Protein backbone atom coordinates (compact mmCIF):
# COMPACT_ATOMS: atom_id res chain seq x y z
CA UNK A 1 -0.16 -0.21 -0.27
CA UNK A 2 2.62 2.35 0.90
CA UNK A 3 4.51 1.31 -2.33
CA UNK A 4 1.64 3.71 -4.44
CA UNK A 5 1.31 6.65 -2.01
CA UNK A 6 4.54 8.42 -3.86
CA UNK A 7 3.66 7.58 -7.62
CA UNK A 8 0.13 8.60 -6.62
CA UNK A 9 0.81 11.83 -5.03
CA UNK A 10 3.45 12.28 -8.30
CA UNK A 11 0.29 11.11 -10.42
CA UNK A 12 -1.75 13.77 -9.19
CA UNK A 13 0.89 16.60 -9.13
CA UNK A 14 1.14 16.12 -13.34
CA UNK A 15 -2.82 16.04 -13.33
CA UNK A 16 -2.51 19.61 -11.58
CA UNK A 17 -0.05 20.76 -13.81
CA UNK A 18 -1.44 19.74 -16.63
CA UNK A 19 -5.03 21.40 -15.47
CA UNK A 20 -3.42 24.17 -14.81
CA UNK A 21 -1.48 24.46 -18.49
CA UNK A 22 -4.70 23.55 -20.31
CA UNK A 23 -7.65 24.31 -18.38
CA UNK A 24 -9.02 21.34 -19.20
CA UNK A 25 -9.92 18.89 -16.25
CA UNK A 26 -10.88 16.15 -18.33
CA UNK A 27 -7.82 15.89 -19.94
CA UNK A 28 -6.06 16.14 -16.75
CA UNK A 29 -7.85 13.60 -15.36
CA UNK A 30 -7.98 11.30 -18.34
CA UNK A 31 -3.70 11.56 -17.96
CA UNK A 32 -3.60 11.08 -14.68
CA UNK A 33 -5.93 7.79 -14.66
CA UNK A 34 -3.66 6.30 -17.63
CA UNK A 35 -0.01 7.15 -16.30
CA UNK A 36 -2.11 5.65 -13.03
CA UNK A 37 -2.77 2.40 -15.00
CA UNK A 38 0.54 2.13 -16.59
CA UNK A 39 2.37 2.37 -13.12
CA UNK A 40 0.29 -0.52 -11.88
CA UNK A 41 0.70 -2.53 -14.88
CA UNK A 42 4.80 -2.23 -15.12
CA UNK A 43 4.92 -2.69 -11.38
CA UNK A 44 2.48 -6.02 -11.86
CA UNK A 45 5.21 -7.13 -14.08
CA UNK A 46 8.26 -6.43 -12.11
CA UNK A 47 6.61 -8.80 -9.47
CA UNK A 48 6.36 -11.70 -11.63
CA UNK A 49 8.88 -14.24 -10.16
CA UNK A 50 10.87 -16.27 -12.26
CA UNK A 51 9.12 -19.57 -11.35
CA UNK A 52 5.79 -18.27 -12.34
CA UNK A 53 7.69 -18.29 -16.16
CA UNK A 54 6.89 -21.21 -18.26
CA UNK A 55 9.62 -23.90 -18.61
CA UNK A 56 10.07 -25.36 -22.30
CA UNK A 57 10.65 -28.05 -22.58
CA UNK A 58 8.36 -29.25 -19.40
CA UNK A 59 9.95 -32.02 -17.14
CA UNK A 60 7.05 -33.84 -18.21
CA UNK A 61 7.65 -33.87 -21.88
CA UNK A 62 10.83 -34.77 -21.13
CA UNK A 63 10.33 -37.83 -19.49
CA UNK A 64 8.00 -39.14 -21.69
CA UNK A 65 9.14 -38.08 -25.05
CA UNK A 66 12.25 -35.80 -25.34
CA UNK A 67 14.63 -37.53 -23.24
CA UNK A 68 14.08 -41.16 -25.58
CA UNK A 69 15.29 -39.98 -28.90
CA UNK A 70 17.21 -37.15 -30.79
CA UNK A 71 15.10 -34.90 -32.88
CA UNK A 72 13.31 -35.84 -35.82
CA UNK A 73 14.48 -39.43 -34.89
CA UNK A 74 11.58 -41.86 -34.37
CA UNK A 75 10.82 -43.59 -31.20
CA UNK A 76 10.46 -47.48 -31.98
CA UNK A 77 9.85 -48.38 -28.43
CA UNK A 78 11.92 -49.45 -25.59
CA UNK A 79 14.19 -52.76 -26.03
CA UNK A 80 15.75 -55.21 -23.35
CA UNK A 81 19.37 -56.38 -23.73
CA UNK A 82 19.88 -54.99 -27.65
CA UNK A 83 22.66 -56.83 -29.35
CA UNK A 84 26.00 -56.91 -27.22
CA UNK A 85 24.63 -54.47 -25.05
CA UNK A 86 22.74 -54.63 -21.24
CA UNK A 87 20.03 -52.94 -19.70
CA UNK A 88 16.79 -51.10 -20.87
CA UNK A 89 17.71 -48.76 -24.20
CA UNK A 90 15.27 -46.64 -26.36
CA UNK A 91 15.37 -47.78 -30.19
CA UNK A 92 15.79 -45.01 -32.34
CA UNK A 93 15.28 -44.61 -36.27
CA UNK A 94 16.48 -41.92 -37.94
CA UNK A 95 14.60 -42.26 -40.97
CA UNK A 96 16.12 -40.95 -44.47
CA UNK A 97 13.02 -40.39 -46.48
CA UNK A 98 11.81 -38.19 -44.14
CA UNK A 99 12.90 -34.51 -44.98
CA UNK A 100 13.19 -33.89 -41.43
CA UNK A 101 15.76 -36.79 -41.52
CA UNK A 102 19.38 -35.75 -39.48
CA UNK A 103 22.33 -36.20 -41.72
CA UNK A 104 24.51 -38.10 -39.03
CA UNK A 105 27.82 -40.19 -40.20
CA UNK A 106 26.80 -43.39 -41.58
CA UNK A 107 29.50 -45.09 -38.68
CA UNK A 108 29.07 -47.33 -35.67
CA UNK A 109 29.96 -44.49 -33.03
CA UNK A 110 26.44 -42.99 -34.73
CA UNK A 111 24.26 -46.11 -35.11
CA UNK A 112 24.43 -49.42 -33.46
CA UNK A 113 22.97 -50.89 -36.68
CA UNK A 114 23.92 -48.81 -39.56
CA UNK A 115 22.43 -50.42 -42.56
CA UNK A 116 19.27 -49.86 -39.98
CA UNK A 117 19.85 -46.91 -39.08
CA UNK A 118 19.02 -47.62 -35.69
CA UNK A 119 20.44 -46.15 -32.47
CA UNK A 120 19.76 -47.56 -29.03
CA UNK A 121 20.06 -45.11 -26.33
CA UNK A 122 19.93 -45.45 -22.59
CA UNK A 123 16.73 -45.07 -20.49
CA UNK A 124 16.52 -42.54 -18.25
CA UNK A 125 15.32 -43.39 -14.51
CA UNK A 126 13.81 -40.30 -13.93
CA UNK A 127 13.76 -36.85 -15.47
CA UNK A 128 15.52 -34.28 -14.70
CA UNK A 129 18.47 -36.31 -13.98
CA UNK A 130 19.09 -36.64 -10.50
CA UNK A 131 21.29 -39.87 -9.36
CA UNK A 132 25.14 -41.32 -10.71
CA UNK A 133 23.46 -43.36 -13.50
CA UNK A 134 21.35 -40.66 -15.05
CA UNK A 135 23.90 -38.44 -15.02
CA UNK A 136 25.92 -41.35 -16.77
CA UNK A 137 23.18 -41.59 -19.11
CA UNK A 138 23.01 -37.80 -19.92
CA UNK A 139 26.93 -37.96 -20.19
CA UNK A 140 26.70 -40.34 -23.07
CA UNK A 141 23.88 -39.07 -24.66
CA UNK A 142 26.11 -35.42 -24.76
CA UNK A 143 29.23 -37.42 -26.34
CA UNK A 144 26.95 -39.01 -29.05
CA UNK A 145 25.31 -35.53 -30.12
CA UNK A 146 29.14 -34.17 -30.33
CA UNK A 147 30.38 -36.77 -32.00
CA UNK A 148 27.15 -37.74 -34.51
CA UNK A 149 25.91 -34.45 -35.51
CA UNK A 150 25.25 -33.12 -39.13
CA UNK A 151 28.28 -34.28 -41.10
CA UNK A 152 27.99 -31.09 -43.90
CA UNK A 153 27.74 -27.59 -43.26
CA UNK A 154 28.13 -24.67 -45.34
CA UNK A 155 31.24 -22.37 -45.09
CA UNK A 156 30.57 -18.35 -45.83
CA UNK A 157 31.30 -19.09 -49.63
CA UNK A 158 29.05 -22.16 -50.08
CA UNK A 159 31.38 -24.69 -49.93
CA UNK A 160 30.12 -28.09 -47.87
CA UNK A 161 32.94 -29.41 -45.68
CA UNK A 162 32.76 -31.82 -43.07
CA UNK A 163 31.84 -30.20 -39.87
CA UNK A 164 31.38 -30.64 -36.11
CA UNK A 165 27.46 -29.23 -35.38
CA UNK A 166 26.07 -31.01 -32.37
CA UNK A 167 23.18 -33.00 -32.94
CA UNK A 168 20.08 -31.58 -32.02
CA UNK A 169 18.11 -32.85 -29.08
CA UNK A 170 15.79 -30.41 -27.34
CA UNK A 171 15.90 -30.02 -23.98
CA UNK A 172 19.47 -32.27 -23.65
CA UNK A 173 21.69 -29.27 -22.01
CA UNK A 174 25.00 -30.43 -22.64
């Protein structure tokens, strides 16, 4: 309440000055009301806490969608002990006929099955990662992102050269 008294006095003084200069009561009242509304809107905006802001992507989205596969890859389900891997993994497919398909190097670092364009990513127990195992999973994914980003990029002259652009994986902050 006390935080509005000083600005209210200033607004009243401005209104009186306008009335004195123009000799128009309606104009002075209108300007005073508009200034008061602007002040209240600005003060309300300044009181908004960071916790009131929407975080994107949300934890639920990351838990059920985003933590499974890189952007533009297709989730094919969870698989237990695929090939020589131990544990539960998310089976992800990079569809070459999809317009949004990511250009990933065709090697065994980037795919577990190069001809099938499949990669098995470890499953997070909980999102956001809290325990040592989930942090290890995130580190594996971040390593994959840095090694298996798009293989081509253009320089400023339009020449295509091998690059080291990280793979896109929304919500995975490495």
